[in-house]
């Protein structure tokens, strides 16, 4: 489509169409970093070609010297107006993931 800047990085803006005919999405518009091909933003469009949701990704870092992960992802649901923020390694302790604690979370 075109070249743009996203999150301060030079990016490619590309459109992709989903091959799965049973998907609830018709297409995606993706902004990918020119140097690393990491996505910074993705707009998801439904079957009627209306914008459904859009995550914005911030801060890629390499973990364990081999895995690229984002620090934060902010998702906006354009149908409901609600949003969520996901943070990787947001201060969670291993003690919170015992079998007993996971049973209580249900």
C-alpha atoms as a PDB file:
ATOM      1  CA  UNK A   1       0.000   0.000   0.000  1.00  0.00           C
ATOM      2  CA  UNK A   2       2.392   2.725   1.201  1.00  0.00           C
ATOM      3  CA  UNK A   3       5.279   3.595   3.505  1.00  0.00           C
ATOM      4  CA  UNK A   4       4.497   5.343   6.804  1.00  0.00           C
ATOM      5  CA  UNK A   5       5.858   5.959  10.278  1.00  0.00           C
ATOM      6  CA  UNK A   6       4.338   4.044  13.180  1.00  0.00           C
ATOM      7  CA  UNK A   7       5.505   4.373  16.797  1.00  0.00           C
ATOM      8  CA  UNK A   8       8.383   6.490  15.479  1.00  0.00           C
ATOM      9  CA  UNK A   9       9.656   3.702  13.211  1.00  0.00           C
ATOM     10  CA  UNK A  10       9.696   3.656   9.395  1.00  0.00           C
ATOM     11  CA  UNK A  11       7.082   1.074   8.407  1.00  0.00           C
ATOM     12  CA  UNK A  12       5.459  -0.654   5.483  1.00  0.00           C
ATOM     13  CA  UNK A  13       1.684  -0.463   5.457  1.00  0.00           C
ATOM     14  CA  UNK A  14       0.292  -3.628   3.894  1.00  0.00           C
ATOM     15  CA  UNK A  15      -3.116  -5.148   3.420  1.00  0.00           C
ATOM     16  CA  UNK A  16      -3.702  -8.871   3.760  1.00  0.00           C
ATOM     17  CA  UNK A  17      -6.777 -10.936   3.037  1.00  0.00           C
ATOM     18  CA  UNK A  18      -7.539 -14.041   5.057  1.00  0.00           C
ATOM     19  CA  UNK A  19      -7.600 -17.354   3.208  1.00  0.00           C
ATOM     20  CA  UNK A  20      -9.879 -19.084   5.742  1.00  0.00           C
ATOM     21  CA  UNK A  21     -13.441 -18.582   4.509  1.00  0.00           C
ATOM     22  CA  UNK A  22     -14.781 -19.321   8.016  1.00  0.00           C
ATOM     23  CA  UNK A  23     -12.834 -16.514   9.666  1.00  0.00           C
ATOM     24  CA  UNK A  24     -14.813 -13.641  11.139  1.00  0.00           C
ATOM     25  CA  UNK A  25     -12.343 -11.260   9.536  1.00  0.00           C
ATOM     26  CA  UNK A  26     -12.213 -10.220   5.909  1.00  0.00           C
ATOM     27  CA  UNK A  27      -8.886  -8.381   5.886  1.00  0.00           C
ATOM     28  CA  UNK A  28      -6.154  -6.797   7.963  1.00  0.00           C
ATOM     29  CA  UNK A  29      -4.140  -3.633   7.470  1.00  0.00           C
ATOM     30  CA  UNK A  30      -0.701  -4.125   9.031  1.00  0.00           C
ATOM     31  CA  UNK A  31       2.064  -1.621   9.789  1.00  0.00           C
ATOM     32  CA  UNK A  32       5.377  -3.521   9.866  1.00  0.00           C
ATOM     33  CA  UNK A  33       8.794  -2.202  10.840  1.00  0.00           C
ATOM     34  CA  UNK A  34      10.968  -1.918   7.734  1.00  0.00           C
ATOM     35  CA  UNK A  35      14.111  -3.151   9.496  1.00  0.00           C
ATOM     36  CA  UNK A  36      12.741  -6.075  11.529  1.00  0.00           C
ATOM     37  CA  UNK A  37       9.303  -6.850  10.018  1.00  0.00           C
ATOM     38  CA  UNK A  38       7.772  -6.661  13.515  1.00  0.00           C
ATOM     39  CA  UNK A  39       4.137  -5.515  13.394  1.00  0.00           C
ATOM     40  CA  UNK A  40       3.398  -2.239  15.233  1.00  0.00           C
ATOM     41  CA  UNK A  41      -0.295  -1.984  14.499  1.00  0.00           C
ATOM     42  CA  UNK A  42      -2.963  -4.206  12.900  1.00  0.00           C
ATOM     43  CA  UNK A  43      -6.468  -3.111  11.937  1.00  0.00           C
ATOM     44  CA  UNK A  44      -8.918  -6.034  11.771  1.00  0.00           C
ATOM     45  CA  UNK A  45     -11.887  -5.647   9.421  1.00  0.00           C
ATOM     46  CA  UNK A  46     -14.994  -7.825   9.536  1.00  0.00           C
ATOM     47  CA  UNK A  47     -16.890  -9.508   6.710  1.00  0.00           C
ATOM     48  CA  UNK A  48     -18.852  -6.295   6.058  1.00  0.00           C
ATOM     49  CA  UNK A  49     -15.527  -4.421   5.811  1.00  0.00           C
ATOM     50  CA  UNK A  50     -16.054  -2.434   9.016  1.00  0.00           C
ATOM     51  CA  UNK A  51     -13.178  -1.846  11.443  1.00  0.00           C
ATOM     52  CA  UNK A  52     -13.631  -4.258  14.375  1.00  0.00           C
ATOM     53  CA  UNK A  53     -10.505  -3.945  16.495  1.00  0.00           C
ATOM     54  CA  UNK A  54      -7.004  -2.545  16.420  1.00  0.00           C
ATOM     55  CA  UNK A  55      -4.058  -3.522  18.609  1.00  0.00           C
ATOM     56  CA  UNK A  56      -1.120  -1.146  18.906  1.00  0.00           C
ATOM     57  CA  UNK A  57       2.146  -2.789  19.947  1.00  0.00           C
ATOM     58  CA  UNK A  58       4.938  -1.043  21.852  1.00  0.00           C
ATOM     59  CA  UNK A  59       8.501  -1.857  22.791  1.00  0.00           C
ATOM     60  CA  UNK A  60       9.955  -4.997  21.267  1.00  0.00           C
ATOM     61  CA  UNK A  61      12.710  -6.589  23.363  1.00  0.00           C
ATOM     62  CA  UNK A  62      14.715  -9.759  23.035  1.00  0.00           C
ATOM     63  CA  UNK A  63      14.215 -12.154  25.958  1.00  0.00           C
ATOM     64  CA  UNK A  64      16.542 -15.018  26.856  1.00  0.00           C
ATOM     65  CA  UNK A  65      18.737 -13.796  24.003  1.00  0.00           C
ATOM     66  CA  UNK A  66      16.475 -15.427  21.390  1.00  0.00           C
ATOM     67  CA  UNK A  67      12.757 -14.561  21.709  1.00  0.00           C
ATOM     68  CA  UNK A  68      11.390 -11.215  20.527  1.00  0.00           C
ATOM     69  CA  UNK A  69       8.439 -10.070  22.658  1.00  0.00           C
ATOM     70  CA  UNK A  70       6.487  -6.891  23.019  1.00  0.00           C
ATOM     71  CA  UNK A  71       6.475  -4.987  26.281  1.00  0.00           C
ATOM     72  CA  UNK A  72       2.920  -3.805  25.834  1.00  0.00           C
ATOM     73  CA  UNK A  73      -0.086  -4.206  23.561  1.00  0.00           C
ATOM     74  CA  UNK A  74      -3.073  -1.875  23.650  1.00  0.00           C
ATOM     75  CA  UNK A  75      -6.240  -3.257  22.011  1.00  0.00           C
ATOM     76  CA  UNK A  76      -9.285  -1.160  21.073  1.00  0.00           C
ATOM     77  CA  UNK A  77     -12.570  -2.881  20.233  1.00  0.00           C
ATOM     78  CA  UNK A  78     -14.257  -0.460  17.827  1.00  0.00           C
ATOM     79  CA  UNK A  79     -17.622  -2.234  18.133  1.00  0.00           C
ATOM     80  CA  UNK A  80     -17.958  -1.831  21.897  1.00  0.00           C
ATOM     81  CA  UNK A  81     -15.596   1.075  22.531  1.00  0.00           C
ATOM     82  CA  UNK A  82     -13.790  -0.951  25.203  1.00  0.00           C
ATOM     83  CA  UNK A  83     -10.043  -1.323  25.394  1.00  0.00           C
ATOM     84  CA  UNK A  84      -7.511  -3.547  27.139  1.00  0.00           C
ATOM     85  CA  UNK A  85      -3.823  -3.231  27.864  1.00  0.00           C
ATOM     86  CA  UNK A  86      -1.593  -6.315  27.989  1.00  0.00           C
ATOM     87  CA  UNK A  87       1.887  -6.123  29.461  1.00  0.00           C
ATOM     88  CA  UNK A  88       4.528  -8.819  29.154  1.00  0.00           C
ATOM     89  CA  UNK A  89       6.231  -9.725  32.418  1.00  0.00           C
ATOM     90  CA  UNK A  90       4.193  -7.205  34.368  1.00  0.00           C
ATOM     91  CA  UNK A  91       5.604  -8.172  37.756  1.00  0.00           C
ATOM     92  CA  UNK A  92       3.885 -11.552  38.076  1.00  0.00           C
ATOM     93  CA  UNK A  93       5.480 -13.998  40.461  1.00  0.00           C
ATOM     94  CA  UNK A  94       5.784 -17.738  39.821  1.00  0.00           C
ATOM     95  CA  UNK A  95       3.974 -18.339  43.141  1.00  0.00           C
ATOM     96  CA  UNK A  96       0.752 -17.074  41.545  1.00  0.00           C
ATOM     97  CA  UNK A  97       0.725 -20.000  39.121  1.00  0.00           C
ATOM     98  CA  UNK A  98       0.445 -22.976  41.455  1.00  0.00           C
ATOM     99  CA  UNK A  99      -2.300 -25.544  40.836  1.00  0.00           C
ATOM    100  CA  UNK A 100      -4.239 -24.279  43.873  1.00  0.00           C
ATOM    101  CA  UNK A 101      -4.084 -20.625  42.860  1.00  0.00           C
ATOM    102  CA  UNK A 102      -5.154 -21.442  39.297  1.00  0.00           C
ATOM    103  CA  UNK A 103      -8.130 -23.455  40.580  1.00  0.00           C
ATOM    104  CA  UNK A 104      -9.259 -20.474  42.676  1.00  0.00           C
ATOM    105  CA  UNK A 105      -9.035 -18.182  39.620  1.00  0.00           C
ATOM    106  CA  UNK A 106     -11.786 -20.056  37.795  1.00  0.00           C
END
